[in-house]
Amino acid sequence: MRIIGLVDDCETAPEGFPDAAPVDLCDVCLSPPYTAAALRELFAQIYTEMRGKPAPPPKTGSTAEEEDED
């Protein structure tokens, strides 16, 4: 398991919790702006590190309703 923080400021700890900066609590900490493509790349990299094989390609745009109709 990896903890990925998506926060406004990775370096600043919440008031009253000086030892709880997100960068210290998360395996990976990201601040905006980030894109869906960048997140997909990060998740694929983590998947490869953990599983030892490339991540599967993203699913196409089909929805559950379309699958039910088949």
Protein backbone atom coordinates (compact mmCIF):
# COMPACT_ATOMS: atom_id res chain seq x y z
CA MET A 1 0.00 0.00 0.00
CA ARG A 2 1.16 3.53 -0.76
CA ILE A 3 -0.28 6.74 0.62
CA ILE A 4 -0.67 9.47 -1.98
CA GLY A 5 -1.55 12.93 -0.70
CA LEU A 6 -3.33 15.42 -2.93
CA VAL A 7 -3.13 18.60 -0.87
CA ASP A 8 -2.84 22.34 -1.38
CA ASP A 9 0.57 22.54 0.31
CA CYS A 10 2.74 19.49 0.92
CA GLU A 11 5.25 21.32 3.11
CA THR A 12 2.98 23.07 5.63
CA ALA A 13 1.75 21.18 8.67
CA PRO A 14 -1.78 21.86 9.94
CA GLU A 15 -2.03 24.34 12.78
CA GLY A 16 -1.51 22.60 16.10
CA PHE A 17 0.17 19.55 14.51
CA PRO A 18 3.76 20.60 13.73
CA ASP A 19 4.92 17.06 12.97
CA ALA A 20 2.11 16.32 10.52
CA ALA A 21 3.27 17.95 7.27
CA PRO A 22 1.73 15.95 4.40
CA VAL A 23 5.15 15.41 2.80
CA ASP A 24 6.22 13.55 5.97
CA LEU A 25 3.04 11.47 6.22
CA CYS A 26 2.63 10.42 2.58
CA ASP A 27 4.72 8.22 0.33
CA VAL A 28 3.97 10.66 -2.50
CA CYS A 29 2.62 14.16 -1.98
CA LEU A 30 1.25 16.25 -4.84
CA SER A 31 0.11 19.86 -4.89
CA PRO A 32 -1.97 21.46 -7.64
CA PRO A 33 -1.77 21.85 -10.51
CA TYR A 34 -1.75 18.21 -11.51
CA THR A 35 -3.44 16.59 -14.47
CA ALA A 36 -5.27 13.33 -14.92
CA ALA A 37 -2.52 12.23 -17.31
CA ALA A 38 0.17 12.95 -14.69
CA LEU A 39 -1.78 11.02 -12.05
CA ARG A 40 -2.27 8.08 -14.43
CA GLU A 41 1.48 8.04 -15.11
CA LEU A 42 2.25 8.12 -11.37
CA PHE A 43 -0.22 5.31 -10.62
CA ALA A 44 1.17 3.21 -13.47
CA GLN A 45 4.69 3.71 -12.12
CA ILE A 46 3.65 2.70 -8.60
CA TYR A 47 1.77 -0.33 -9.97
CA THR A 48 4.90 -1.43 -11.83
CA GLU A 49 7.07 -0.99 -8.73
CA MET A 50 4.68 -2.99 -6.57
CA ARG A 51 3.69 -5.74 -9.01
CA GLY A 52 6.83 -6.03 -11.10
CA LYS A 53 4.87 -5.80 -14.36
CA PRO A 54 3.43 -2.92 -16.40
CA ALA A 55 0.05 -1.52 -15.43
CA PRO A 56 -2.85 -2.56 -17.66
CA PRO A 57 -4.02 0.02 -20.19
CA PRO A 58 -6.90 2.28 -19.16
CA LYS A 59 -10.38 1.04 -19.89
CA THR A 60 -12.25 2.61 -22.76
CA GLY A 61 -15.18 4.96 -22.23
CA SER A 62 -17.84 2.25 -21.84
CA THR A 63 -20.13 2.58 -18.84
CA ALA A 64 -21.84 -0.03 -16.69
CA GLU A 65 -25.17 0.72 -18.40
CA GLU A 66 -23.69 -0.02 -21.82
CA GLU A 67 -22.24 -3.31 -20.53
CA ASP A 68 -25.65 -4.32 -19.12
CA GLU A 69 -27.25 -3.88 -22.56
CA ASP A 70 -24.93 -6.47 -24.19
